Amino acid sequence: MLAVILGFVAGFLALPGHCLLSDPVFRAPVDTVADCADWIVAQPADNCHLLAERGHVSVGELLSHNPALRRNCDAVEGLSYCKERKSTAGHELAARQSETITGSAPQSIQDLVNSLFIKQTGDKLLTTLWDARVIPVFNSLSYADFSDWLNRSPQGQEMRRNLAAASLIACGLPTLANLVRQWIGVGPDPLICICYDQDTCCGPSDSSCPSGTSKLLARSPKFSSRFEHDDEVASLERRADSYPWTATDPQGQTWSGSFTSVDWPTPRDFAATDWQWQHAMAMDFNDDCTAFYVVEYDQAGIQAGVAGRNVAGETIYNFLNRTALLTSPNTAEHYIEKNLFAKFVKAAIEGNLAGGGTFTTIPGSFFQNFMNTNQAALANIATMPGAQAVTLPARRLMWTLGSGVWRDNFLLLQANLNLMKAAILRGNDPVAPDRMAGAMVSAPRVFVTHLRAALNVLNYMNNADAISFGENSIKAIRWELYNYQRIFNQQNGLNIDVVAAWDTWYQDYMAERFQTLKNWLIANALDGHEHWRGGTDGVSQTMEAICSLYVGRARALAGLSFQTYPTGTPQSYNS
């Protein structure tokens, strides 16, 4: 019966003759735009996010072309959804732009670009907003100067004539700012840097990176030195509850086991006045295409930002964790991934480091047998809140990452950032190669915003608060492993040092993962630069300049520093 009902609904939505411009067999929702040029057919379990991912467009564009998806993000299998509109009479301005916000002030720089430079409204309020939002970030890039450059310079006129280039304005402001400065005779200004370390990024005297006032999270020592809000950068998948491992030691014996997740709190478990809701991390809502940093918001700020995004079905909770759109619980997030212990055990038994080196192995019996046997002595040793009665080491260790009882080291952050962080720490590409290649050819803006997403993850991992919270767990992990090895050594007359193995492995693993990310950024930015190099159209020139900017930013990153990593004999986290 359900299948019959769904079939009727699909037939009702797909009235014949509507939006069947290129193929009469297409069936589309009745209110799909009438001037569609390119389609994507919904597959089983598709939603607006997955459709946008496969179509290499932003969710915002998809929703603007397909109002049915605004009402329900879930797509109807077999129906065709518009991913690109037809151009109009030599002027493509209406073809690929989202609707301009009316009745209220634009929420982002991209909205201002759409209004001022594409639809050319000239509203005094909008020009005031432009100067208020852009000048503090891009050093005197006033509306008057930028408008003059767009209207009278050869490069600006070329961009004005080409919508695809015009839609890159907001993503290319760091580069365009210098062109405008040269146009008005001021001279180039150093591009704003990601200042992990001023010696390797901006230089010690560079005024574009003022110490203590930069919005770029320079206060953290962890590093030496997106992308559309709605464009997913990692696959939507249910988080695992069990993390199995299998390893073969140097003697050829195979060992196995698993770690089972402890329930984590959800964003709803934190009060608006809690630290987490006062420091929720997201990409700047007001600077949606030009920022190279994440911003800390309070709950009211996240609420306002989500309202401004106007994404169907989105709340402050599933904005912070996209799994809310699936079947898995919506949880808060953590600096350390839950699967890290399984990775550590495999490496510790086999003696192989992620960076290619080797280190002293730990007996497989410690992980397979000892850690999966209740150790009564643990009942009298201080541990994390809620875990005192847990005497199974493999289970107790998972409490070091936090729980519904111990929440001090949890963070609230934008789902897209966390999905990419998880992919990076799993050892995957931040964005699949075929998606990067496809975006380079058909969606330049998506290509550069994928690069921006990766830089945003670096900024998040470089955030002083995120590091501090992660190191809360590191201290707890070292304390637990210290007690496990002490009991194991007493029982077996051995002297293994699991804490030292963890320290060596963790630092190598994190350093290798972020060196890999740096290499990925450089390689893809260079690919983009080469792809658009020498082009005479506005898109190619803008994209070449933006990719050049990313190459420089990525090369300036010198990698991870562990200056604040806990050392010495572990102490109880609660001591």
Protein backbone atom coordinates (compact mmCIF):
# COMPACT_ATOMS: atom_id res chain seq x y z
CA MET A 1 0.00 0.00 0.00
CA LEU A 2 2.81 2.40 0.85
CA ALA A 3 4.39 1.82 -2.55
CA VAL A 4 1.07 2.65 -4.24
CA ILE A 5 0.76 5.88 -2.25
CA LEU A 6 4.34 6.90 -3.07
CA GLY A 7 3.75 6.13 -6.72
CA PHE A 8 0.65 8.32 -6.73
CA VAL A 9 2.51 11.17 -5.06
CA ALA A 10 5.38 10.89 -7.54
CA GLY A 11 2.93 10.90 -10.43
CA PHE A 12 1.15 13.95 -9.03
CA LEU A 13 4.39 15.86 -8.57
CA ALA A 14 5.58 15.00 -12.07
CA LEU A 15 2.83 16.56 -14.16
CA PRO A 16 3.48 16.04 -17.88
CA GLY A 17 4.85 18.86 -19.94
CA HIS A 18 6.45 20.81 -17.11
CA CYS A 19 10.19 21.49 -17.25
CA LEU A 20 10.76 18.81 -19.87
CA LEU A 21 13.04 20.97 -21.97
CA SER A 22 15.63 18.46 -23.07
CA ASP A 23 14.13 15.03 -22.57
CA PRO A 24 10.39 14.23 -22.55
CA VAL A 25 10.89 11.19 -20.32
CA PHE A 26 12.04 13.38 -17.41
CA ARG A 27 9.65 13.56 -14.47
CA ALA A 28 10.21 16.54 -12.20
CA PRO A 29 8.37 18.07 -9.23
CA VAL A 30 5.69 20.44 -10.43
CA ASP A 31 7.27 23.64 -9.09
CA THR A 32 10.76 23.04 -10.51
CA VAL A 33 12.08 26.07 -12.42
CA ALA A 34 10.90 26.14 -16.02
CA ASP A 35 14.23 27.11 -17.61
CA CYS A 36 16.30 24.13 -16.49
CA ALA A 37 19.38 23.29 -18.54
CA ASP A 38 20.83 20.32 -16.66
CA TRP A 39 19.27 17.60 -14.53
CA ILE A 40 20.17 14.98 -11.96
CA VAL A 41 17.99 11.92 -11.32
CA ALA A 42 17.33 10.97 -7.70
CA GLN A 43 18.59 7.58 -6.58
CA PRO A 44 17.31 5.53 -3.63
CA ALA A 45 17.76 7.32 -0.27
CA ASP A 46 18.92 10.55 -1.96
CA ASN A 47 18.42 13.85 -0.19
CA CYS A 48 19.26 17.43 -1.12
CA HIS A 49 22.80 17.12 0.26
CA LEU A 50 23.62 13.94 -1.67
CA LEU A 51 22.06 15.33 -4.86
CA ALA A 52 24.16 18.47 -4.57
CA GLU A 53 27.29 16.41 -3.98
CA ARG A 54 26.74 14.26 -7.07
CA GLY A 55 25.73 17.25 -9.15
CA HIS A 56 28.76 19.34 -8.13
CA VAL A 57 26.55 22.24 -7.05
CA SER A 58 25.84 23.85 -3.70
CA VAL A 59 22.77 22.89 -1.73
CA GLY A 60 21.68 26.53 -1.92
CA GLU A 61 21.64 26.43 -5.73
CA LEU A 62 19.79 23.11 -5.75
CA LEU A 63 17.11 24.43 -3.39
CA SER A 64 16.66 27.61 -5.41
CA HIS A 65 15.96 25.55 -8.56
CA ASN A 66 13.81 22.90 -6.83
CA PRO A 67 11.36 24.41 -4.30
CA ALA A 68 10.06 20.91 -3.51
CA LEU A 69 13.36 20.18 -1.78
CA ARG A 70 12.90 23.22 0.45
CA ARG A 71 9.79 21.63 1.90
CA ASN A 72 11.39 18.21 2.26
CA CYS A 73 15.11 17.61 1.81
CA ASP A 74 14.44 13.96 0.92
CA ALA A 75 14.29 13.41 -2.84
CA VAL A 76 11.79 11.13 -4.58
CA GLU A 77 13.55 8.22 -6.29
CA GLY A 78 13.33 8.45 -10.07
CA LEU A 79 12.37 12.11 -10.25
CA SER A 80 14.66 14.56 -12.00
CA TYR A 81 15.89 17.63 -10.16
CA CYS A 82 17.30 20.72 -11.80
CA LYS A 83 20.95 21.46 -11.01
CA GLU A 84 21.54 24.31 -13.49
CA ARG A 85 19.30 26.85 -15.20
CA LYS A 86 19.57 28.05 -18.80
CA SER A 87 21.43 31.28 -19.55
CA THR A 88 19.45 34.23 -20.83
CA ALA A 89 20.11 36.37 -23.95
CA GLY A 90 23.85 36.71 -23.56
CA HIS A 91 23.54 37.67 -19.91
CA GLU A 92 23.66 34.82 -17.44
CA LEU A 93 22.95 36.84 -14.32
CA ALA A 94 19.78 34.98 -13.42
CA ALA A 95 21.08 31.57 -14.35
CA ARG A 96 23.12 30.51 -11.37
CA GLN A 97 22.43 32.97 -8.60
CA SER A 98 20.49 32.24 -5.47
CA GLU A 99 17.56 34.47 -4.71
CA THR A 100 18.56 37.71 -3.01
CA ILE A 101 17.24 38.11 0.51
CA THR A 102 14.43 40.65 0.52
CA GLY A 103 12.85 42.48 3.39
CA SER A 104 15.96 42.19 5.56
CA ALA A 105 19.66 42.89 5.45
CA PRO A 106 21.78 40.34 3.55
CA GLN A 107 23.41 37.83 5.88
CA SER A 108 26.66 37.28 3.98
CA ILE A 109 29.17 38.94 1.72
CA GLN A 110 27.95 36.72 -1.12
CA ASP A 111 24.45 38.17 -0.67
CA LEU A 112 25.94 41.66 -0.84
CA VAL A 113 27.82 40.73 -4.01
CA ASN A 114 24.60 39.42 -5.56
CA SER A 115 22.73 42.61 -4.70
CA LEU A 116 25.35 45.27 -5.36
CA PHE A 117 27.42 43.92 -8.21
CA ILE A 118 25.22 41.41 -9.99
CA LYS A 119 21.68 42.73 -9.63
CA GLN A 120 23.10 46.24 -9.15
CA THR A 121 20.48 47.54 -6.73
CA GLY A 122 22.63 50.41 -5.42
CA ASP A 123 20.71 50.49 -2.15
CA LYS A 124 22.37 52.82 0.38
CA LEU A 125 21.88 50.30 3.19
CA LEU A 126 23.69 47.66 1.16
CA THR A 127 26.65 49.89 0.38
CA THR A 128 26.89 50.77 4.07
CA LEU A 129 26.83 47.08 4.96
CA TRP A 130 29.55 46.41 2.39
CA ASP A 131 31.89 48.96 3.93
CA ALA A 132 31.10 47.77 7.46
CA ARG A 133 31.77 44.10 6.71
CA VAL A 134 34.49 44.21 4.08
CA ILE A 135 36.81 47.06 5.07
CA PRO A 136 37.80 45.55 8.45
CA VAL A 137 38.84 42.32 6.73
CA PHE A 138 40.21 43.55 3.41
CA ASN A 139 41.92 46.78 4.38
CA SER A 140 40.07 49.67 2.71
CA LEU A 141 38.28 47.69 0.01
CA SER A 142 35.43 50.21 -0.04
CA TYR A 143 32.31 49.81 -2.12
CA ALA A 144 33.11 52.96 -4.08
CA ASP A 145 36.60 51.76 -5.02
CA PHE A 146 35.51 48.23 -5.81
CA SER A 147 32.56 49.44 -7.89
CA ASP A 148 34.85 51.78 -9.81
CA TRP A 149 37.24 48.92 -10.55
CA LEU A 150 34.43 46.60 -11.69
CA ASN A 151 32.86 49.22 -13.95
CA ARG A 152 35.92 50.84 -15.54
CA SER A 153 38.95 48.55 -15.41
CA PRO A 154 39.40 45.98 -18.23
CA GLN A 155 39.58 43.13 -15.70
CA GLY A 156 36.54 44.35 -13.82
CA GLN A 157 34.51 44.82 -16.98
CA GLU A 158 35.38 41.31 -18.10
CA MET A 159 34.21 39.95 -14.76
CA ARG A 160 31.04 42.04 -14.94
CA ARG A 161 30.18 40.55 -18.33
CA ASN A 162 30.59 36.97 -17.19
CA LEU A 163 28.33 35.66 -14.47
CA ALA A 164 30.53 32.67 -13.70
CA ALA A 165 33.33 35.09 -12.91
CA ALA A 166 31.03 37.45 -11.05
CA SER A 167 29.90 34.64 -8.79
CA LEU A 168 33.53 34.24 -7.75
CA ILE A 169 33.79 37.79 -6.43
CA ALA A 170 33.07 36.80 -2.85
CA CYS A 171 35.50 33.89 -3.03
CA GLY A 172 38.25 36.00 -4.52
CA LEU A 173 38.20 39.15 -2.43
CA PRO A 174 41.73 38.63 -1.03
CA THR A 175 43.06 38.66 -4.59
CA LEU A 176 40.68 41.27 -5.99
CA ALA A 177 41.48 43.64 -3.14
CA ASN A 178 45.02 44.03 -4.45
CA LEU A 179 43.81 44.64 -8.01
CA VAL A 180 41.53 47.39 -6.74
CA ARG A 181 44.32 48.95 -4.69
CA GLN A 182 46.55 49.07 -7.75
CA TRP A 183 43.68 50.48 -9.85
CA ILE A 184 43.19 53.42 -7.47
CA GLY A 185 46.95 53.98 -7.28
CA VAL A 186 47.54 52.83 -3.71
CA GLY A 187 49.79 49.90 -4.53
CA PRO A 188 49.54 46.26 -3.51
CA ASP A 189 49.00 45.27 0.09
CA PRO A 190 50.24 41.92 1.44
CA LEU A 191 47.46 39.37 1.32
CA ILE A 192 45.95 38.53 4.68
CA CYS A 193 47.72 35.44 5.96
CA ILE A 194 46.82 32.42 7.99
CA CYS A 195 49.18 33.23 10.80
CA TYR A 196 50.16 30.02 12.49
CA ASP A 197 53.63 31.45 12.87
CA GLN A 198 54.42 34.98 11.74
CA ASP A 199 58.02 34.08 10.94
CA THR A 200 56.95 31.60 8.27
CA CYS A 201 53.69 33.19 7.17
CA CYS A 202 53.62 36.95 7.16
CA GLY A 203 56.99 37.93 8.50
CA PRO A 204 57.53 39.52 11.90
CA SER A 205 56.79 43.06 10.75
CA ASP A 206 53.89 42.39 8.40
CA SER A 207 51.05 44.73 9.34
CA SER A 208 48.47 42.50 7.68
CA CYS A 209 48.92 39.99 10.48
CA PRO A 210 48.92 42.00 13.73
CA SER A 211 49.82 39.95 16.78
CA GLY A 212 46.99 39.62 19.24
CA THR A 213 44.36 41.19 16.99
CA SER A 214 44.18 38.75 14.10
CA LYS A 215 40.95 36.83 13.67
CA LEU A 216 42.98 33.91 12.38
CA LEU A 217 43.50 32.00 15.63
CA ALA A 218 47.18 32.85 15.80
CA ARG A 219 47.12 32.56 19.59
CA SER A 220 47.53 28.79 19.47
CA PRO A 221 51.04 27.26 19.42
CA LYS A 222 49.82 23.94 18.04
CA PHE A 223 50.74 24.65 14.44
CA SER A 224 54.09 26.18 13.69
CA SER A 225 53.20 27.18 10.57
CA ARG A 226 34.83 25.72 2.45
CA PHE A 227 33.45 25.94 0.58
CA GLU A 228 29.91 26.72 0.47
CA HIS A 229 28.23 26.36 3.83
CA ASP A 230 25.99 23.68 2.38
CA ASP A 231 28.47 21.78 0.25
CA GLU A 232 29.33 18.56 2.04
CA VAL A 233 33.01 17.68 2.09
CA ALA A 234 32.77 14.16 3.42
CA SER A 235 30.30 11.35 2.96
CA LEU A 236 27.28 11.28 5.21
CA GLU A 237 27.60 8.12 7.21
CA ARG A 238 26.45 6.71 10.49
CA ARG A 239 29.12 6.80 13.17
CA ALA A 240 30.28 3.38 14.29
CA ASP A 241 29.75 2.12 17.82
CA SER A 242 32.43 -0.60 17.70
CA TYR A 243 36.01 -0.23 16.51
CA PRO A 244 37.62 -3.61 15.77
CA TRP A 245 41.32 -4.14 15.24
CA THR A 246 43.49 -6.98 13.95
CA ALA A 247 47.29 -6.99 14.03
CA THR A 248 50.14 -9.40 13.34
CA ASP A 249 53.19 -9.10 15.57
CA PRO A 250 56.81 -9.45 14.34
CA GLN A 251 56.75 -13.16 15.28
CA GLY A 252 53.82 -13.77 12.92
CA GLN A 253 51.09 -14.24 15.55
CA THR A 254 47.77 -12.55 14.87
CA TRP A 255 45.87 -10.71 17.60
CA SER A 256 42.43 -9.09 17.54
CA GLY A 257 39.91 -7.22 19.63
CA SER A 258 37.67 -4.16 19.59
CA PHE A 259 36.74 -1.03 21.47
CA THR A 260 33.09 -0.15 22.13
CA SER A 261 31.98 3.45 22.14
CA VAL A 262 30.70 5.21 25.23
CA ASP A 263 27.65 7.39 24.56
CA TRP A 264 28.51 11.03 24.00
CA PRO A 265 26.23 13.96 24.85
CA THR A 266 24.17 15.77 22.24
CA PRO A 267 24.15 19.53 21.61
CA ARG A 268 20.77 19.61 23.35
CA ASP A 269 22.44 18.40 26.56
CA PHE A 270 24.35 21.66 26.89
CA ALA A 271 22.58 24.71 28.28
CA ALA A 272 22.81 27.97 26.36
CA THR A 273 25.01 29.33 29.16
CA ASP A 274 27.44 26.37 29.07
CA TRP A 275 30.94 26.99 27.74
CA GLN A 276 30.29 24.86 24.66
CA TRP A 277 27.32 26.94 23.52
CA GLN A 278 29.24 30.14 24.20
CA HIS A 279 32.11 28.95 21.98
CA ALA A 280 30.44 26.98 19.18
CA MET A 281 32.71 26.87 16.14
CA ALA A 282 31.54 27.60 12.61
CA MET A 283 32.74 29.26 9.46
CA ASP A 284 31.94 32.98 9.61
CA PHE A 285 28.30 33.47 8.61
CA ASN A 286 28.92 37.06 7.53
CA ASP A 287 32.01 36.24 5.48
CA ASP A 288 30.90 33.07 3.79
CA CYS A 289 33.35 32.86 0.95
CA THR A 290 36.35 34.92 1.88
CA ALA A 291 37.24 33.74 5.37
CA PHE A 292 40.16 31.43 5.94
CA TYR A 293 39.30 30.90 9.56
CA VAL A 294 36.59 29.61 11.87
CA VAL A 295 34.75 31.83 14.31
CA GLU A 296 33.45 31.11 17.79
CA TYR A 297 29.75 31.94 18.23
CA ASP A 298 27.37 31.77 21.15
CA GLN A 299 24.05 29.96 20.82
CA ALA A 300 22.24 33.12 19.73
CA GLY A 301 24.85 33.67 17.01
CA ILE A 302 24.43 30.13 15.69
CA GLN A 303 20.64 30.55 15.78
CA ALA A 304 20.84 33.78 13.77
CA GLY A 305 23.30 32.27 11.31
CA VAL A 306 21.18 29.19 10.70
CA ALA A 307 18.12 31.38 10.17
CA GLY A 308 20.06 33.42 7.62
CA ARG A 309 21.13 30.31 5.71
CA ASN A 310 17.46 29.37 5.22
CA VAL A 311 18.20 25.71 4.51
CA ALA A 312 15.11 23.52 4.58
CA GLY A 313 14.81 21.47 7.75
CA GLU A 314 17.98 22.83 9.32
CA THR A 315 18.18 23.60 13.03
CA ILE A 316 21.03 24.73 15.26
CA TYR A 317 21.41 21.08 16.24
CA ASN A 318 21.74 19.36 12.88
CA PHE A 319 23.82 22.28 11.63
CA LEU A 320 26.32 21.24 14.29
CA ASN A 321 26.08 17.56 13.40
CA ARG A 322 24.80 16.45 10.02
CA THR A 323 24.11 12.91 11.25
CA ALA A 324 20.84 14.28 12.58
CA LEU A 325 19.59 14.01 8.98
CA LEU A 326 20.20 10.25 9.12
CA THR A 327 19.31 7.66 11.73
CA SER A 328 22.21 7.92 14.13
CA PRO A 329 22.08 9.98 17.33
CA ASN A 330 23.05 13.62 17.13
CA THR A 331 26.18 13.98 19.28
CA ALA A 332 28.57 16.68 20.33
CA GLU A 333 32.06 16.41 18.88
CA HIS A 334 35.56 15.88 20.13
CA TYR A 335 39.10 16.73 19.07
CA ILE A 336 40.08 13.03 19.14
CA GLU A 337 38.26 10.49 16.97
CA LYS A 338 36.77 7.41 18.66
CA ASN A 339 38.58 5.02 16.31
CA LEU A 340 42.03 6.23 17.36
CA PHE A 341 42.59 3.50 19.96
CA ALA A 342 42.04 0.74 17.40
CA LYS A 343 44.58 2.39 15.12
CA PHE A 344 47.06 2.73 17.98
CA VAL A 345 46.77 -0.93 19.02
CA LYS A 346 47.43 -2.20 15.51
CA ALA A 347 50.48 0.04 15.18
CA ALA A 348 51.78 -0.82 18.67
CA ILE A 349 51.63 -4.58 18.02
CA GLU A 350 53.13 -4.36 14.54
CA GLY A 351 55.64 -1.63 15.42
CA ASN A 352 54.86 0.55 12.41
CA LEU A 353 54.33 4.30 12.48
CA ALA A 354 52.05 6.20 10.11
CA GLY A 355 55.00 8.29 8.96
CA GLY A 356 56.90 5.19 7.85
CA GLY A 357 59.16 4.68 10.86
CA THR A 358 59.19 1.92 13.46
CA PHE A 359 59.03 1.89 17.25
CA THR A 360 59.18 -0.57 20.15
CA THR A 361 56.31 -3.03 19.98
CA ILE A 362 53.89 -3.89 22.79
CA PRO A 363 52.94 -7.57 23.35
CA GLY A 364 49.67 -8.49 21.67
CA SER A 365 48.60 -10.28 24.85
CA PHE A 366 48.41 -6.91 26.61
CA PHE A 367 45.74 -5.64 24.23
CA GLN A 368 43.87 -8.86 23.42
CA ASN A 369 43.90 -10.61 26.80
CA PHE A 370 44.74 -8.20 29.62
CA MET A 371 42.64 -5.29 28.42
CA ASN A 372 39.62 -7.54 27.93
CA THR A 373 39.80 -9.06 31.41
CA ASN A 374 38.33 -7.32 34.45
CA GLN A 375 41.11 -5.94 36.65
CA ALA A 376 39.80 -5.61 40.20
CA ALA A 377 42.64 -3.28 41.20
CA LEU A 378 41.24 -0.57 38.94
CA ALA A 379 38.23 -0.12 41.23
CA ASN A 380 40.50 1.66 43.71
CA ILE A 381 42.36 3.86 41.21
CA ALA A 382 41.09 7.34 40.33
CA THR A 383 39.60 7.63 36.87
CA MET A 384 37.16 9.68 34.83
CA PRO A 385 33.76 10.63 36.29
CA GLY A 386 31.31 7.80 35.74
CA ALA A 387 33.96 5.13 35.09
CA GLN A 388 35.01 4.21 38.63
CA ALA A 389 33.07 0.93 38.61
CA VAL A 390 34.34 -0.01 35.14
CA THR A 391 37.22 -2.47 35.62
CA LEU A 392 37.54 -3.74 32.05
CA PRO A 393 40.49 -1.73 30.63
CA ALA A 394 39.28 -1.81 27.02
CA ARG A 395 35.97 -0.33 28.13
CA ARG A 396 37.35 2.05 30.72
CA LEU A 397 39.81 3.58 28.24
CA MET A 398 36.94 4.83 26.06
CA TRP A 399 35.73 7.02 28.93
CA THR A 400 38.84 9.16 28.54
CA LEU A 401 37.27 10.66 25.40
CA GLY A 402 34.32 11.88 27.44
CA SER A 403 30.81 10.71 28.19
CA GLY A 404 27.37 11.91 29.10
CA VAL A 405 28.74 12.31 32.63
CA TRP A 406 32.10 13.93 31.86
CA ARG A 407 31.53 16.64 29.24
CA ASP A 408 34.37 19.05 29.91
CA ASN A 409 36.29 18.18 26.76
CA PHE A 410 33.45 18.31 24.23
CA LEU A 411 33.09 20.92 21.52
CA LEU A 412 30.25 22.13 19.37
CA LEU A 413 31.28 22.78 15.79
CA GLN A 414 29.82 22.98 12.32
CA ALA A 415 29.11 19.56 10.87
CA ASN A 416 31.00 20.14 7.62
CA LEU A 417 34.19 20.92 9.51
CA ASN A 418 33.88 17.82 11.63
CA LEU A 419 33.10 15.54 8.68
CA MET A 420 36.25 16.67 6.92
CA LYS A 421 38.27 16.40 10.14
CA ALA A 422 37.08 12.81 10.54
CA ALA A 423 38.01 11.98 6.94
CA ILE A 424 41.48 13.46 7.37
CA LEU A 425 42.14 11.56 10.60
CA ARG A 426 40.96 8.35 8.94
CA GLY A 427 43.67 8.89 6.35
CA ASN A 428 41.28 9.72 3.50
CA ASP A 429 41.43 12.59 1.04
CA PRO A 430 39.42 15.55 2.35
CA VAL A 431 37.50 15.48 -0.94
CA ALA A 432 37.52 12.53 -3.35
CA PRO A 433 39.78 12.98 -6.42
CA ASP A 434 36.91 12.53 -8.90
CA ARG A 435 34.92 15.24 -7.15
CA MET A 436 37.86 17.64 -7.27
CA ALA A 437 38.45 16.85 -10.95
CA GLY A 438 34.77 17.27 -11.80
CA ALA A 439 34.51 20.55 -9.92
CA MET A 440 37.62 21.89 -11.66
CA VAL A 441 35.95 21.37 -15.03
CA SER A 442 32.34 22.26 -14.32
CA ALA A 443 32.15 24.12 -11.00
CA PRO A 444 35.18 26.38 -10.37
CA ARG A 445 33.69 27.95 -7.28
CA VAL A 446 33.06 24.56 -5.70
CA PHE A 447 36.66 23.60 -6.45
CA VAL A 448 38.18 26.53 -4.59
CA THR A 449 35.73 26.26 -1.74
CA HIS A 450 36.79 22.64 -1.19
CA LEU A 451 40.33 23.96 -0.72
CA ARG A 452 39.01 26.55 1.68
CA ALA A 453 37.26 23.83 3.67
CA ALA A 454 40.52 22.02 4.27
CA LEU A 455 42.16 25.23 5.47
CA ASN A 456 39.23 25.75 7.82
CA VAL A 457 39.83 22.32 9.34
CA LEU A 458 43.45 23.28 9.91
CA ASN A 459 42.25 26.40 11.67
CA TYR A 460 39.87 24.38 13.83
CA MET A 461 42.57 21.88 14.79
CA ASN A 462 44.81 24.88 15.51
CA ASN A 463 42.26 26.52 17.79
CA ALA A 464 43.66 26.95 21.28
CA ASP A 465 40.44 25.82 22.94
CA ALA A 466 40.15 22.74 20.74
CA ILE A 467 43.74 21.81 21.52
CA SER A 468 43.22 22.34 25.24
CA PHE A 469 40.14 20.13 25.22
CA GLY A 470 41.92 17.44 23.22
CA GLU A 471 44.80 17.48 25.66
CA ASN A 472 42.37 16.94 28.53
CA SER A 473 41.76 13.55 26.97
CA ILE A 474 45.46 12.99 26.28
CA LYS A 475 46.18 13.44 29.99
CA ALA A 476 43.41 10.99 30.86
CA ILE A 477 44.60 8.46 28.25
CA ARG A 478 48.18 8.56 29.53
CA TRP A 479 46.97 8.10 33.13
CA GLU A 480 44.84 5.09 32.23
CA LEU A 481 47.56 3.41 30.15
CA TYR A 482 50.06 4.05 32.94
CA ASN A 483 47.90 2.14 35.41
CA TYR A 484 47.18 -0.68 32.96
CA GLN A 485 50.88 -1.20 32.20
CA ARG A 486 51.76 -1.09 35.90
CA ILE A 487 49.26 -3.85 36.74
CA PHE A 488 50.24 -5.90 33.66
CA ASN A 489 53.96 -5.63 34.48
CA GLN A 490 53.35 -6.74 38.07
CA GLN A 491 51.35 -9.74 36.89
CA ASN A 492 53.85 -10.83 34.24
CA GLY A 493 57.22 -9.70 35.54
CA LEU A 494 57.70 -7.40 32.55
CA ASN A 495 58.55 -3.74 32.04
CA ILE A 496 56.58 -2.62 28.99
CA ASP A 497 55.97 1.12 28.51
CA VAL A 498 52.61 1.58 26.80
CA VAL A 499 52.54 5.30 27.64
CA ALA A 500 55.76 5.91 25.72
CA ALA A 501 54.38 3.90 22.81
CA TRP A 502 51.21 6.01 22.80
CA ASP A 503 53.17 9.28 22.93
CA THR A 504 55.38 8.23 20.03
CA TRP A 505 52.53 6.90 17.94
CA TYR A 506 50.07 9.76 18.54
CA GLN A 507 52.51 12.52 17.70
CA ASP A 508 53.71 10.72 14.59
CA TYR A 509 50.15 9.94 13.50
CA MET A 510 48.91 13.51 13.86
CA ALA A 511 52.00 15.01 12.23
CA GLU A 512 51.74 12.60 9.29
CA ARG A 513 48.03 13.24 8.79
CA PHE A 514 48.48 16.99 8.63
CA GLN A 515 51.55 16.80 6.43
CA THR A 516 49.39 14.72 4.10
CA LEU A 517 46.69 17.39 4.24
CA LYS A 518 49.23 20.09 3.47
CA ASN A 519 50.46 18.08 0.47
CA TRP A 520 46.86 17.60 -0.68
CA LEU A 521 46.22 21.32 -0.52
CA ILE A 522 49.35 22.18 -2.46
CA ALA A 523 48.79 19.51 -5.12
CA ASN A 524 45.17 20.48 -5.80
CA ALA A 525 45.86 24.21 -5.74
CA LEU A 526 48.70 23.68 -8.22
CA ASP A 527 46.41 21.56 -10.41
CA GLY A 528 43.86 24.36 -10.40
CA HIS A 529 46.48 26.99 -11.11
CA GLU A 530 47.77 25.00 -14.09
CA HIS A 531 44.24 24.32 -15.34
CA TRP A 532 43.32 28.01 -15.48
CA ARG A 533 46.78 29.44 -16.23
CA GLY A 534 46.93 31.69 -19.25
CA GLY A 535 43.18 31.92 -19.74
CA THR A 536 41.92 35.25 -21.06
CA ASP A 537 38.36 35.08 -19.72
CA GLY A 538 37.36 36.45 -16.34
CA VAL A 539 36.79 33.03 -14.79
CA SER A 540 40.23 31.73 -15.70
CA GLN A 541 42.00 34.87 -14.53
CA THR A 542 40.16 34.93 -11.22
CA MET A 543 40.59 31.21 -10.59
CA GLU A 544 44.29 31.31 -11.43
CA ALA A 545 44.80 34.11 -8.91
CA ILE A 546 42.79 32.35 -6.20
CA CYS A 547 44.63 29.05 -6.67
CA SER A 548 47.94 30.91 -6.49
CA LEU A 549 46.78 32.35 -3.17
CA TYR A 550 46.01 28.87 -1.84
CA VAL A 551 49.38 27.51 -2.93
CA GLY A 552 51.12 30.21 -0.92
CA ARG A 553 48.91 29.67 2.11
CA ALA A 554 49.47 25.92 2.11
CA ARG A 555 53.23 26.17 1.62
CA ALA A 556 53.44 28.52 4.60
CA LEU A 557 52.25 25.76 6.94
CA ALA A 558 55.24 24.20 8.67
CA GLY A 559 53.30 21.40 10.37
CA LEU A 560 52.38 20.38 13.88
CA SER A 561 54.15 21.36 17.06
CA PHE A 562 53.72 19.44 20.32
CA GLN A 563 55.04 22.10 22.67
CA THR A 564 52.11 21.70 25.07
CA TYR A 565 51.78 17.92 24.80
CA PRO A 566 51.74 16.32 28.30
CA THR A 567 55.04 14.72 29.31
CA GLY A 568 56.60 12.96 32.31
CA THR A 569 54.97 10.49 34.68
CA PRO A 570 51.21 10.61 34.11
CA GLN A 571 49.03 12.11 36.81
CA SER A 572 45.34 11.53 37.43
CA TYR A 573 43.34 14.02 35.39
CA ASN A 574 41.30 14.76 38.51
CA SER A 575 44.33 15.26 40.76
